[in-house]
Amino acid sequence: MPAPEAPATPGAPVTAPVIEARGLTRRFGHFTAVDGIDVGVGPGEVFGLLGANGAGKTTAIRMLCGTLPPTAGNVRVAGIDMTRHARHARGRIGYVTQRFTLYDDLTVRENLRLQAGLYGVTGARRRERIDWALADLSLADSADTPARALPLGFKRRLALGAALLHEPEVLFLDEPTSGVDPVARQHFWELIYTLAEGGMGILVTTHYMDEALFCDRLALMHAGRIVEEGTPPELLARPLATPILSLHTPDCDACAQILMGWDEVREVVPRADALRVRLAAGADPDAVSARIRTEAAAHGARVTALGPAAPALEDVFVAVLEEAEGDGEGAP
């Protein structure tokens, strides 16, 4: 569902979404890549499309930013109808693609100069914006380095800097930190927060669960559809049809072997000195816990703690997908 408009206060204007899509659909022959999704993003909001590879995230973002026409549906970005006047919105949009699309043979500075010219940023403003990109994105020491010689994290920074030279109202980021080391990922998200605080509406696609928690709102995509949406706290508070137990034991391997093949157990995931045990829909956590203690004692395995576990976002995502595929019998 689209983002709710900001509540009105006396004398204050209502803030309209900077990204708004209704029934957005894209078919390639008989294959439907994106199937009637609704998206709404407000100014200063970081909205995440979360899904596995092939879920339709990249196709959706390409339609939203006007590089791929939709088969059906309507899109407005920065107040402009993208299905009819996409070119008019280009100066208001920044887009960082999943793959590096700048010029490997050009240096960092040369790439920025070229992109500034393409956006119509010239003269003193071009110098100011390039200086900003080099400084704020920590690219100054690499200004005269050919893009091909940059580490992947620096290539991502360069692509982001190029997309921001014209100071867009809306920023699209397609898997911006894929393959980037954790330190570079953290720096990238710090920049995203800074941009959002300045009022920019940002839509980001990702398949990293930890990154998804950084978003203000999330939409979970599967097979071209949005199957769940909400803030991270709302999604984490969602009731699950498959309860989760946390089993702490110094004998993780032995306990995992004991649990294999139980009808009540759907999945066992090792976590340091513990096991996360995801139960089948309809299983009684208390009864399963009692059985685990009995069987562990019979096999000489020690249980130091056992009880319900709070779901992680990955647990919610898996449960939602199972329900979407009709595999969550008894789901709420």
C-alpha atoms as a PDB file:
ATOM      1  CA  MET A   1       0.000   0.000   0.000  1.00  0.00           C
ATOM      2  CA  PRO A   2       1.176   3.581  -0.608  1.00  0.00           C
ATOM      3  CA  ALA A   3       2.753   5.590   2.176  1.00  0.00           C
ATOM      4  CA  PRO A   4       0.222   7.473   4.288  1.00  0.00           C
ATOM      5  CA  GLU A   5       0.307  11.202   3.865  1.00  0.00           C
ATOM      6  CA  ALA A   6       1.694  13.172   6.768  1.00  0.00           C
ATOM      7  CA  PRO A   7      -1.016  14.201   9.241  1.00  0.00           C
ATOM      8  CA  ALA A   8      -2.197  17.703   8.588  1.00  0.00           C
ATOM      9  CA  THR A   9      -1.768  20.424  11.176  1.00  0.00           C
ATOM     10  CA  PRO A  10      -3.623  23.736  11.113  1.00  0.00           C
ATOM     11  CA  GLY A  11      -2.107  25.955   8.447  1.00  0.00           C
ATOM     12  CA  ALA A  12       0.393  23.293   7.297  1.00  0.00           C
ATOM     13  CA  PRO A  13       0.272  21.794   3.786  1.00  0.00           C
ATOM     14  CA  VAL A  14      -0.219  18.043   3.345  1.00  0.00           C
ATOM     15  CA  THR A  15       2.972  16.383   2.105  1.00  0.00           C
ATOM     16  CA  ALA A  16       2.398  14.427  -1.096  1.00  0.00           C
ATOM     17  CA  PRO A  17       4.379  11.260  -1.909  1.00  0.00           C
ATOM     18  CA  VAL A  18       7.434  11.836  -4.085  1.00  0.00           C
ATOM     19  CA  ILE A  19       7.064   8.303  -5.493  1.00  0.00           C
ATOM     20  CA  GLU A  20       3.603   6.914  -6.127  1.00  0.00           C
ATOM     21  CA  ALA A  21       2.662   3.840  -8.170  1.00  0.00           C
ATOM     22  CA  ARG A  22      -0.678   2.099  -8.607  1.00  0.00           C
ATOM     23  CA  GLY A  23      -1.139  -1.334 -10.170  1.00  0.00           C
ATOM     24  CA  LEU A  24       2.390  -1.313 -11.582  1.00  0.00           C
ATOM     25  CA  THR A  25       2.787  -4.320 -13.897  1.00  0.00           C
ATOM     26  CA  ARG A  26       5.405  -5.519 -16.343  1.00  0.00           C
ATOM     27  CA  ARG A  27       5.103  -8.546 -18.586  1.00  0.00           C
ATOM     28  CA  PHE A  28       7.732 -10.017 -20.877  1.00  0.00           C
ATOM     29  CA  GLY A  29       5.724 -12.168 -23.257  1.00  0.00           C
ATOM     30  CA  HIS A  30       3.835 -14.662 -21.094  1.00  0.00           C
ATOM     31  CA  PHE A  31       6.038 -14.000 -18.051  1.00  0.00           C
ATOM     32  CA  THR A  32       4.858 -11.444 -15.473  1.00  0.00           C
ATOM     33  CA  ALA A  33       7.903  -9.952 -13.764  1.00  0.00           C
ATOM     34  CA  VAL A  34       5.990  -7.393 -11.691  1.00  0.00           C
ATOM     35  CA  ASP A  35       2.352  -8.035 -10.895  1.00  0.00           C
ATOM     36  CA  GLY A  36       0.183  -5.051  -9.953  1.00  0.00           C
ATOM     37  CA  ILE A  37       2.201  -3.535  -7.096  1.00  0.00           C
ATOM     38  CA  ASP A  38       1.399  -0.297  -5.255  1.00  0.00           C
ATOM     39  CA  VAL A  39       4.271   1.821  -3.912  1.00  0.00           C
ATOM     40  CA  GLY A  40       4.307   5.141  -2.102  1.00  0.00           C
ATOM     41  CA  VAL A  41       7.322   7.004  -0.693  1.00  0.00           C
ATOM     42  CA  GLY A  42       7.216  10.326   1.116  1.00  0.00           C
ATOM     43  CA  PRO A  43       9.853  13.089   1.274  1.00  0.00           C
ATOM     44  CA  GLY A  44      12.648  12.187   3.669  1.00  0.00           C
ATOM     45  CA  GLU A  45      11.618   8.527   3.765  1.00  0.00           C
ATOM     46  CA  VAL A  46      13.826   5.502   3.088  1.00  0.00           C
ATOM     47  CA  PHE A  47      11.617   2.803   1.569  1.00  0.00           C
ATOM     48  CA  GLY A  48      13.002  -0.676   0.964  1.00  0.00           C
ATOM     49  CA  LEU A  49      11.992  -3.351  -1.519  1.00  0.00           C
ATOM     50  CA  LEU A  50      13.212  -6.588   0.029  1.00  0.00           C
ATOM     51  CA  GLY A  51      13.297  -9.856  -1.838  1.00  0.00           C
ATOM     52  CA  ALA A  52      15.425 -12.652  -3.187  1.00  0.00           C
ATOM     53  CA  ASN A  53      17.096 -12.390  -6.575  1.00  0.00           C
ATOM     54  CA  GLY A  54      14.414 -12.773  -9.240  1.00  0.00           C
ATOM     55  CA  ALA A  55      11.623 -11.357  -7.075  1.00  0.00           C
ATOM     56  CA  GLY A  56      11.076  -8.442  -9.475  1.00  0.00           C
ATOM     57  CA  LYS A  57      12.856  -5.667  -7.566  1.00  0.00           C
ATOM     58  CA  THR A  58      15.058  -4.429 -10.415  1.00  0.00           C
ATOM     59  CA  THR A  59      12.202  -4.494 -12.931  1.00  0.00           C
ATOM     60  CA  ALA A  60      10.074  -2.495 -10.478  1.00  0.00           C
ATOM     61  CA  ILE A  61      12.748   0.132  -9.863  1.00  0.00           C
ATOM     62  CA  ARG A  62      13.385   0.530 -13.605  1.00  0.00           C
ATOM     63  CA  MET A  63       9.694   1.270 -14.174  1.00  0.00           C
ATOM     64  CA  LEU A  64       9.569   3.673 -11.239  1.00  0.00           C
ATOM     65  CA  CYS A  65      12.487   5.725 -12.536  1.00  0.00           C
ATOM     66  CA  GLY A  66      11.266   5.717 -16.141  1.00  0.00           C
ATOM     67  CA  THR A  67      13.855   3.529 -17.869  1.00  0.00           C
ATOM     68  CA  LEU A  68      11.356   0.714 -18.558  1.00  0.00           C
ATOM     69  CA  PRO A  69       7.738   1.337 -19.611  1.00  0.00           C
ATOM     70  CA  PRO A  70       5.121  -0.545 -17.579  1.00  0.00           C
ATOM     71  CA  THR A  71       2.687  -2.919 -19.227  1.00  0.00           C
ATOM     72  CA  ALA A  72      -0.033  -1.551 -16.954  1.00  0.00           C
ATOM     73  CA  GLY A  73      -0.420   0.834 -14.040  1.00  0.00           C
ATOM     74  CA  ASN A  74       0.455   4.425 -13.236  1.00  0.00           C
ATOM     75  CA  VAL A  75       3.621   5.995 -11.828  1.00  0.00           C
ATOM     76  CA  ARG A  76       4.238   9.519 -10.561  1.00  0.00           C
ATOM     77  CA  VAL A  77       7.665  10.629  -9.376  1.00  0.00           C
ATOM     78  CA  ALA A  78       8.311  14.146  -8.079  1.00  0.00           C
ATOM     79  CA  GLY A  79       4.822  15.062  -9.281  1.00  0.00           C
ATOM     80  CA  ILE A  80       5.445  13.943 -12.888  1.00  0.00           C
ATOM     81  CA  ASP A  81       3.557  11.198 -14.727  1.00  0.00           C
ATOM     82  CA  MET A  82       6.358   8.765 -15.590  1.00  0.00           C
ATOM     83  CA  THR A  83       4.288   6.797 -18.087  1.00  0.00           C
ATOM     84  CA  ARG A  84       3.840   9.905 -20.258  1.00  0.00           C
ATOM     85  CA  HIS A  85       6.569  12.419 -19.384  1.00  0.00           C
ATOM     86  CA  ALA A  86       9.472  10.416 -17.968  1.00  0.00           C
ATOM     87  CA  ARG A  87      12.067  12.649 -19.636  1.00  0.00           C
ATOM     88  CA  HIS A  88      10.754  15.675 -17.747  1.00  0.00           C
ATOM     89  CA  ALA A  89      11.518  13.942 -14.451  1.00  0.00           C
ATOM     90  CA  ARG A  90      15.103  12.974 -15.228  1.00  0.00           C
ATOM     91  CA  GLY A  91      16.465  16.167 -13.701  1.00  0.00           C
ATOM     92  CA  ARG A  92      14.673  15.386 -10.444  1.00  0.00           C
ATOM     93  CA  ILE A  93      15.784  11.763 -10.151  1.00  0.00           C
ATOM     94  CA  GLY A  94      19.034  10.101  -9.168  1.00  0.00           C
ATOM     95  CA  TYR A  95      19.475   6.432 -10.062  1.00  0.00           C
ATOM     96  CA  VAL A  96      22.253   4.066  -9.023  1.00  0.00           C
ATOM     97  CA  THR A  97      22.017   0.805 -10.943  1.00  0.00           C
ATOM     98  CA  GLN A  98      22.997  -2.596  -9.616  1.00  0.00           C
ATOM     99  CA  ARG A  99      25.913  -2.793 -12.040  1.00  0.00           C
ATOM    100  CA  PHE A 100      28.573  -0.132 -12.446  1.00  0.00           C
ATOM    101  CA  THR A 101      27.628   1.798 -15.604  1.00  0.00           C
ATOM    102  CA  LEU A 102      30.125   4.666 -15.611  1.00  0.00           C
ATOM    103  CA  TYR A 103      33.251   4.677 -17.781  1.00  0.00           C
ATOM    104  CA  ASP A 104      36.140   2.436 -16.705  1.00  0.00           C
ATOM    105  CA  ASP A 105      38.646   4.313 -18.877  1.00  0.00           C
ATOM    106  CA  LEU A 106      37.875   7.692 -17.276  1.00  0.00           C
ATOM    107  CA  THR A 107      39.192   8.815 -13.917  1.00  0.00           C
ATOM    108  CA  VAL A 108      36.903   9.519 -10.997  1.00  0.00           C
ATOM    109  CA  ARG A 109      37.018  13.266 -11.670  1.00  0.00           C
ATOM    110  CA  GLU A 110      36.458  12.811 -15.412  1.00  0.00           C
ATOM    111  CA  ASN A 111      33.442  10.612 -14.802  1.00  0.00           C
ATOM    112  CA  LEU A 112      31.968  13.212 -12.474  1.00  0.00           C
ATOM    113  CA  ARG A 113      32.571  16.003 -14.991  1.00  0.00           C
ATOM    114  CA  LEU A 114      30.910  14.002 -17.745  1.00  0.00           C
ATOM    115  CA  GLN A 115      27.876  13.146 -15.624  1.00  0.00           C
ATOM    116  CA  ALA A 116      27.523  16.737 -14.470  1.00  0.00           C
ATOM    117  CA  GLY A 117      27.421  17.860 -18.102  1.00  0.00           C
ATOM    118  CA  LEU A 118      24.763  15.295 -18.938  1.00  0.00           C
ATOM    119  CA  TYR A 119      22.615  16.675 -16.114  1.00  0.00           C
ATOM    120  CA  GLY A 120      23.180  20.266 -17.256  1.00  0.00           C
ATOM    121  CA  VAL A 121      25.328  21.176 -14.246  1.00  0.00           C
ATOM    122  CA  THR A 122      27.951  23.627 -15.507  1.00  0.00           C
ATOM    123  CA  GLY A 123      30.305  26.406 -14.461  1.00  0.00           C
ATOM    124  CA  ALA A 124      30.857  27.206 -10.805  1.00  0.00           C
ATOM    125  CA  ARG A 125      28.045  24.889  -9.717  1.00  0.00           C
ATOM    126  CA  ARG A 126      29.716  21.966 -11.461  1.00  0.00           C
ATOM    127  CA  ARG A 127      32.976  22.652  -9.610  1.00  0.00           C
ATOM    128  CA  GLU A 128      31.117  22.934  -6.295  1.00  0.00           C
ATOM    129  CA  ARG A 129      29.194  19.698  -6.803  1.00  0.00           C
ATOM    130  CA  ILE A 130      32.248  17.724  -7.919  1.00  0.00           C
ATOM    131  CA  ASP A 131      34.218  19.036  -4.937  1.00  0.00           C
ATOM    132  CA  TRP A 132      31.312  17.975  -2.703  1.00  0.00           C
ATOM    133  CA  ALA A 133      31.234  14.465  -4.199  1.00  0.00           C
ATOM    134  CA  LEU A 134      35.000  14.014  -3.837  1.00  0.00           C
ATOM    135  CA  ALA A 135      34.971  15.209  -0.228  1.00  0.00           C
ATOM    136  CA  ASP A 136      31.743  13.740   1.157  1.00  0.00           C
ATOM    137  CA  LEU A 137      32.133  10.383  -0.553  1.00  0.00           C
ATOM    138  CA  SER A 138      35.815  10.069   0.420  1.00  0.00           C
ATOM    139  CA  LEU A 139      36.934  10.002  -3.214  1.00  0.00           C
ATOM    140  CA  ALA A 140      39.423  12.886  -3.127  1.00  0.00           C
ATOM    141  CA  ASP A 141      42.490  10.639  -2.875  1.00  0.00           C
ATOM    142  CA  SER A 142      41.222   8.667  -5.884  1.00  0.00           C
ATOM    143  CA  ALA A 143      40.196  11.636  -8.016  1.00  0.00           C
ATOM    144  CA  ASP A 144      42.761  10.890 -10.731  1.00  0.00           C
ATOM    145  CA  THR A 145      42.432   7.102 -10.592  1.00  0.00           C
ATOM    146  CA  PRO A 146      40.771   5.325 -13.532  1.00  0.00           C
ATOM    147  CA  ALA A 147      37.449   3.859 -12.501  1.00  0.00           C
ATOM    148  CA  ARG A 148      38.561   0.359 -13.520  1.00  0.00           C
ATOM    149  CA  ALA A 149      41.241   0.432 -10.800  1.00  0.00           C
ATOM    150  CA  LEU A 150      38.831   1.270  -7.988  1.00  0.00           C
ATOM    151  CA  PRO A 151      37.736  -1.317  -5.403  1.00  0.00           C
ATOM    152  CA  LEU A 152      34.057  -2.207  -5.631  1.00  0.00           C
ATOM    153  CA  GLY A 153      33.140  -0.075  -2.615  1.00  0.00           C
ATOM    154  CA  PHE A 154      34.715   3.000  -4.233  1.00  0.00           C
ATOM    155  CA  LYS A 155      32.919   2.282  -7.497  1.00  0.00           C
ATOM    156  CA  ARG A 156      29.649   2.317  -5.563  1.00  0.00           C
ATOM    157  CA  ARG A 157      30.581   5.664  -4.024  1.00  0.00           C
ATOM    158  CA  LEU A 158      31.464   7.082  -7.428  1.00  0.00           C
ATOM    159  CA  ALA A 159      28.139   5.918  -8.884  1.00  0.00           C
ATOM    160  CA  LEU A 160      26.282   7.509  -5.967  1.00  0.00           C
ATOM    161  CA  GLY A 161      28.207  10.753  -6.320  1.00  0.00           C
ATOM    162  CA  ALA A 162      27.418  10.900 -10.043  1.00  0.00           C
ATOM    163  CA  ALA A 163      23.706  10.330  -9.320  1.00  0.00           C
ATOM    164  CA  LEU A 164      23.637  13.198  -6.811  1.00  0.00           C
ATOM    165  CA  LEU A 165      25.488  15.906  -8.745  1.00  0.00           C
ATOM    166  CA  HIS A 166      22.252  17.601  -9.857  1.00  0.00           C
ATOM    167  CA  GLU A 167      20.741  17.439  -6.329  1.00  0.00           C
ATOM    168  CA  PRO A 168      17.697  15.306  -7.172  1.00  0.00           C
ATOM    169  CA  GLU A 169      14.488  15.174  -5.134  1.00  0.00           C
ATOM    170  CA  VAL A 170      14.251  11.405  -5.413  1.00  0.00           C
ATOM    171  CA  LEU A 171      16.951   8.727  -5.311  1.00  0.00           C
ATOM    172  CA  PHE A 172      16.651   5.140  -6.547  1.00  0.00           C
ATOM    173  CA  LEU A 173      19.255   2.638  -5.360  1.00  0.00           C
ATOM    174  CA  ASP A 174      19.252  -0.867  -6.830  1.00  0.00           C
ATOM    175  CA  GLU A 175      21.197  -3.277  -4.589  1.00  0.00           C
ATOM    176  CA  PRO A 176      23.671  -0.458  -3.818  1.00  0.00           C
ATOM    177  CA  THR A 177      25.910  -2.453  -1.467  1.00  0.00           C
ATOM    178  CA  SER A 178      25.876  -5.855  -3.172  1.00  0.00           C
ATOM    179  CA  GLY A 179      29.345  -7.375  -2.829  1.00  0.00           C
ATOM    180  CA  VAL A 180      30.642  -4.483  -0.705  1.00  0.00           C
ATOM    181  CA  ASP A 181      32.511  -5.125   2.553  1.00  0.00           C
ATOM    182  CA  PRO A 182      30.698  -4.396   5.874  1.00  0.00           C
ATOM    183  CA  VAL A 183      32.601  -1.181   6.609  1.00  0.00           C
ATOM    184  CA  ALA A 184      31.783   0.272   3.179  1.00  0.00           C
ATOM    185  CA  ARG A 185      28.159  -0.823   3.584  1.00  0.00           C
ATOM    186  CA  GLN A 186      27.900   1.032   6.895  1.00  0.00           C
ATOM    187  CA  HIS A 187      29.388   4.185   5.359  1.00  0.00           C
ATOM    188  CA  PHE A 188      26.973   3.937   2.446  1.00  0.00           C
ATOM    189  CA  TRP A 189      23.974   3.765   4.777  1.00  0.00           C
ATOM    190  CA  GLU A 190      25.234   6.730   6.792  1.00  0.00           C
ATOM    191  CA  LEU A 191      25.168   8.718   3.542  1.00  0.00           C
ATOM    192  CA  ILE A 192      21.648   7.479   2.776  1.00  0.00           C
ATOM    193  CA  TYR A 193      20.435   8.655   6.196  1.00  0.00           C
ATOM    194  CA  THR A 194      22.026  12.070   5.679  1.00  0.00           C
ATOM    195  CA  LEU A 195      20.303  12.472   2.319  1.00  0.00           C
ATOM    196  CA  ALA A 196      16.934  11.436   3.771  1.00  0.00           C
ATOM    197  CA  GLU A 197      17.320  13.897   6.642  1.00  0.00           C
ATOM    198  CA  GLY A 198      17.677  16.585   3.984  1.00  0.00           C
ATOM    199  CA  GLY A 199      14.206  15.681   2.630  1.00  0.00           C
ATOM    200  CA  MET A 200      15.128  13.367  -0.231  1.00  0.00           C
ATOM    201  CA  GLY A 201      12.772  10.459  -0.881  1.00  0.00           C
ATOM    202  CA  ILE A 202      14.794   7.260  -1.289  1.00  0.00           C
ATOM    203  CA  LEU A 203      13.781   3.852  -2.616  1.00  0.00           C
ATOM    204  CA  VAL A 204      16.325   1.079  -2.194  1.00  0.00           C
ATOM    205  CA  THR A 205      16.226  -2.569  -3.217  1.00  0.00           C
ATOM    206  CA  THR A 206      18.146  -5.132  -1.194  1.00  0.00           C
ATOM    207  CA  HIS A 207      18.310  -8.809  -0.342  1.00  0.00           C
ATOM    208  CA  TYR A 208      20.305  -8.182   2.852  1.00  0.00           C
ATOM    209  CA  MET A 209      18.072  -8.674   5.896  1.00  0.00           C
ATOM    210  CA  ASP A 210      20.295  -6.576   8.165  1.00  0.00           C
ATOM    211  CA  GLU A 211      20.167  -3.657   5.714  1.00  0.00           C
ATOM    212  CA  ALA A 212      16.399  -3.897   5.441  1.00  0.00           C
ATOM    213  CA  LEU A 213      16.153  -2.994   9.131  1.00  0.00           C
ATOM    214  CA  PHE A 214      17.680   0.410   8.311  1.00  0.00           C
ATOM    215  CA  CYS A 215      14.661   1.371   6.175  1.00  0.00           C
ATOM    216  CA  ASP A 216      11.732   3.411   7.489  1.00  0.00           C
ATOM    217  CA  ARG A 217       9.299   1.067   5.734  1.00  0.00           C
ATOM    218  CA  LEU A 218       9.648  -2.208   3.884  1.00  0.00           C
ATOM    219  CA  ALA A 219       7.780  -4.085   1.196  1.00  0.00           C
ATOM    220  CA  LEU A 220       8.518  -7.796   0.887  1.00  0.00           C
ATOM    221  CA  MET A 221       8.490  -8.909  -2.757  1.00  0.00           C
ATOM    222  CA  HIS A 222       8.016 -12.421  -4.048  1.00  0.00           C
ATOM    223  CA  ALA A 223       7.275 -13.597  -7.601  1.00  0.00           C
ATOM    224  CA  GLY A 224       6.601 -10.038  -8.744  1.00  0.00           C
ATOM    225  CA  ARG A 225       4.151  -9.191  -5.965  1.00  0.00           C
ATOM    226  CA  ILE A 226       4.333  -7.278  -2.710  1.00  0.00           C
ATOM    227  CA  VAL A 227       3.263  -9.879  -0.160  1.00  0.00           C
ATOM    228  CA  GLU A 228       3.711  -7.828   3.038  1.00  0.00           C
ATOM    229  CA  GLU A 229       4.485  -4.245   3.972  1.00  0.00           C
ATOM    230  CA  GLY A 230       5.170  -2.253   7.113  1.00  0.00           C
ATOM    231  CA  THR A 231       7.816  -0.693   9.295  1.00  0.00           C
ATOM    232  CA  PRO A 232      10.517  -3.062  10.568  1.00  0.00           C
ATOM    233  CA  PRO A 233       8.982  -3.084  14.097  1.00  0.00           C
ATOM    234  CA  GLU A 234       5.546  -3.839  12.628  1.00  0.00           C
ATOM    235  CA  LEU A 235       6.898  -6.735  10.590  1.00  0.00           C
ATOM    236  CA  LEU A 236       8.848  -8.144  13.525  1.00  0.00           C
ATOM    237  CA  ALA A 237       5.700  -8.003  15.668  1.00  0.00           C
ATOM    238  CA  ARG A 238       3.701  -9.929  13.061  1.00  0.00           C
ATOM    239  CA  PRO A 239       2.308 -13.234  14.417  1.00  0.00           C
ATOM    240  CA  LEU A 240       4.006 -16.237  12.842  1.00  0.00           C
ATOM    241  CA  ALA A 241       2.339 -19.558  12.089  1.00  0.00           C
ATOM    242  CA  THR A 242       5.670 -21.282  12.744  1.00  0.00           C
ATOM    243  CA  PRO A 243       6.884 -20.644  16.344  1.00  0.00           C
ATOM    244  CA  ILE A 244      10.607 -20.419  17.063  1.00  0.00           C
ATOM    245  CA  LEU A 245      12.516 -21.877  19.994  1.00  0.00           C
ATOM    246  CA  SER A 246      16.013 -20.942  21.132  1.00  0.00           C
ATOM    247  CA  LEU A 247      17.965 -23.949  22.365  1.00  0.00           C
ATOM    248  CA  HIS A 248      21.229 -23.203  24.199  1.00  0.00           C
ATOM    249  CA  THR A 249      23.512 -26.193  24.579  1.00  0.00           C
ATOM    250  CA  PRO A 250      27.218 -27.036  24.512  1.00  0.00           C
ATOM    251  CA  ASP A 251      26.197 -30.058  22.418  1.00  0.00           C
ATOM    252  CA  CYS A 252      24.757 -28.313  19.354  1.00  0.00           C
ATOM    253  CA  ASP A 253      25.682 -31.036  16.863  1.00  0.00           C
ATOM    254  CA  ALA A 254      24.150 -33.784  18.990  1.00  0.00           C
ATOM    255  CA  CYS A 255      20.946 -31.819  19.580  1.00  0.00           C
ATOM    256  CA  ALA A 256      20.634 -30.977  15.901  1.00  0.00           C
ATOM    257  CA  GLN A 257      20.919 -34.685  15.068  1.00  0.00           C
ATOM    258  CA  ILE A 258      18.218 -35.496  17.618  1.00  0.00           C
ATOM    259  CA  LEU A 259      15.810 -32.969  16.082  1.00  0.00           C
ATOM    260  CA  MET A 260      16.299 -34.135  12.504  1.00  0.00           C
ATOM    261  CA  GLY A 261      13.223 -35.859  11.145  1.00  0.00           C
ATOM    262  CA  TRP A 262      10.785 -34.646  13.794  1.00  0.00           C
ATOM    263  CA  ASP A 263       7.409 -33.779  12.276  1.00  0.00           C
ATOM    264  CA  GLU A 264       7.084 -30.850  14.691  1.00  0.00           C
ATOM    265  CA  VAL A 265      10.390 -29.307  13.561  1.00  0.00           C
ATOM    266  CA  ARG A 266      10.609 -27.437  10.286  1.00  0.00           C
ATOM    267  CA  GLU A 267      14.173 -26.100  10.439  1.00  0.00           C
ATOM    268  CA  VAL A 268      17.187 -26.072  12.759  1.00  0.00           C
ATOM    269  CA  VAL A 269      19.675 -23.213  12.356  1.00  0.00           C
ATOM    270  CA  PRO A 270      22.973 -23.150  14.326  1.00  0.00           C
ATOM    271  CA  ARG A 271      23.810 -19.834  16.025  1.00  0.00           C
ATOM    272  CA  ALA A 272      27.095 -19.791  18.016  1.00  0.00           C
ATOM    273  CA  ASP A 273      26.382 -21.938  21.118  1.00  0.00           C
ATOM    274  CA  ALA A 274      22.661 -22.168  20.350  1.00  0.00           C
ATOM    275  CA  LEU A 275      20.166 -23.590  17.898  1.00  0.00           C
ATOM    276  CA  ARG A 276      17.168 -21.720  16.506  1.00  0.00           C
ATOM    277  CA  VAL A 277      14.450 -24.302  16.089  1.00  0.00           C
ATOM    278  CA  ARG A 278      11.596 -23.290  13.779  1.00  0.00           C
ATOM    279  CA  LEU A 279       8.546 -25.394  14.407  1.00  0.00           C
ATOM    280  CA  ALA A 280       5.918 -26.569  11.961  1.00  0.00           C
ATOM    281  CA  ALA A 281       2.637 -24.684  11.775  1.00  0.00           C
ATOM    282  CA  GLY A 282       0.324 -25.830  14.560  1.00  0.00           C
ATOM    283  CA  ALA A 283       3.085 -27.365  16.697  1.00  0.00           C
ATOM    284  CA  ASP A 284       2.803 -26.827  20.472  1.00  0.00           C
ATOM    285  CA  PRO A 285       6.029 -25.080  21.636  1.00  0.00           C
ATOM    286  CA  ASP A 286       5.612 -26.318  25.227  1.00  0.00           C
ATOM    287  CA  ALA A 287       5.147 -29.922  24.138  1.00  0.00           C
ATOM    288  CA  VAL A 288       8.106 -29.734  21.742  1.00  0.00           C
ATOM    289  CA  SER A 289      10.280 -28.160  24.466  1.00  0.00           C
ATOM    290  CA  ALA A 290       9.429 -30.966  26.874  1.00  0.00           C
ATOM    291  CA  ARG A 291      10.264 -33.586  24.241  1.00  0.00           C
ATOM    292  CA  ILE A 292      13.579 -31.872  23.435  1.00  0.00           C
ATOM    293  CA  ARG A 293      14.633 -31.966  27.100  1.00  0.00           C
ATOM    294  CA  THR A 294      13.649 -35.630  27.437  1.00  0.00           C
ATOM    295  CA  GLU A 295      15.383 -36.745  24.234  1.00  0.00           C
ATOM    296  CA  ALA A 296      18.503 -34.669  24.926  1.00  0.00           C
ATOM    297  CA  ALA A 297      18.869 -36.202  28.395  1.00  0.00           C
ATOM    298  CA  ALA A 298      18.398 -39.690  26.959  1.00  0.00           C
ATOM    299  CA  HIS A 299      21.270 -39.050  24.505  1.00  0.00           C
ATOM    300  CA  GLY A 300      23.561 -37.456  27.086  1.00  0.00           C
ATOM    301  CA  ALA A 301      23.247 -33.948  25.600  1.00  0.00           C
ATOM    302  CA  ARG A 302      23.013 -30.980  27.969  1.00  0.00           C
ATOM    303  CA  VAL A 303      20.368 -28.249  27.578  1.00  0.00           C
ATOM    304  CA  THR A 304      21.332 -25.043  29.405  1.00  0.00           C
ATOM    305  CA  ALA A 305      18.388 -22.925  28.248  1.00  0.00           C
ATOM    306  CA  LEU A 306      15.318 -23.485  26.103  1.00  0.00           C
ATOM    307  CA  GLY A 307      12.433 -21.145  25.380  1.00  0.00           C
ATOM    308  CA  PRO A 308      10.588 -19.032  22.819  1.00  0.00           C
ATOM    309  CA  ALA A 309      12.750 -16.836  20.577  1.00  0.00           C
ATOM    310  CA  ALA A 310      11.825 -13.441  19.156  1.00  0.00           C
ATOM    311  CA  PRO A 311      11.616 -13.683  15.358  1.00  0.00           C
ATOM    312  CA  ALA A 312      14.267 -12.054  13.204  1.00  0.00           C
ATOM    313  CA  LEU A 313      13.299 -10.328   9.984  1.00  0.00           C
ATOM    314  CA  GLU A 314      14.519 -13.368   8.060  1.00  0.00           C
ATOM    315  CA  ASP A 315      12.039 -15.528  10.002  1.00  0.00           C
ATOM    316  CA  VAL A 316       9.220 -13.151   9.108  1.00  0.00           C
ATOM    317  CA  PHE A 317      10.268 -13.110   5.469  1.00  0.00           C
ATOM    318  CA  VAL A 318      10.365 -16.912   5.246  1.00  0.00           C
ATOM    319  CA  ALA A 319       6.973 -17.209   6.970  1.00  0.00           C
ATOM    320  CA  VAL A 320       5.393 -14.644   4.669  1.00  0.00           C
ATOM    321  CA  LEU A 321       6.723 -16.421   1.588  1.00  0.00           C
ATOM    322  CA  GLU A 322       5.434 -19.763   2.815  1.00  0.00           C
ATOM    323  CA  GLU A 323       1.996 -18.251   3.369  1.00  0.00           C
ATOM    324  CA  ALA A 324       2.091 -16.590  -0.064  1.00  0.00           C
ATOM    325  CA  GLU A 325       2.863 -19.962  -1.628  1.00  0.00           C
ATOM    326  CA  GLY A 326       0.098 -21.686   0.334  1.00  0.00           C
ATOM    327  CA  ASP A 327       2.616 -23.517   2.494  1.00  0.00           C
ATOM    328  CA  GLY A 328       1.588 -21.903   5.765  1.00  0.00           C
ATOM    329  CA  GLU A 329      -1.438 -23.971   6.731  1.00  0.00           C
ATOM    330  CA  GLY A 330      -3.080 -22.508   9.750  1.00  0.00           C
ATOM    331  CA  ALA A 331      -1.444 -19.119   9.286  1.00  0.00           C
ATOM    332  CA  PRO A 332      -3.192 -16.271  11.052  1.00  0.00           C
END
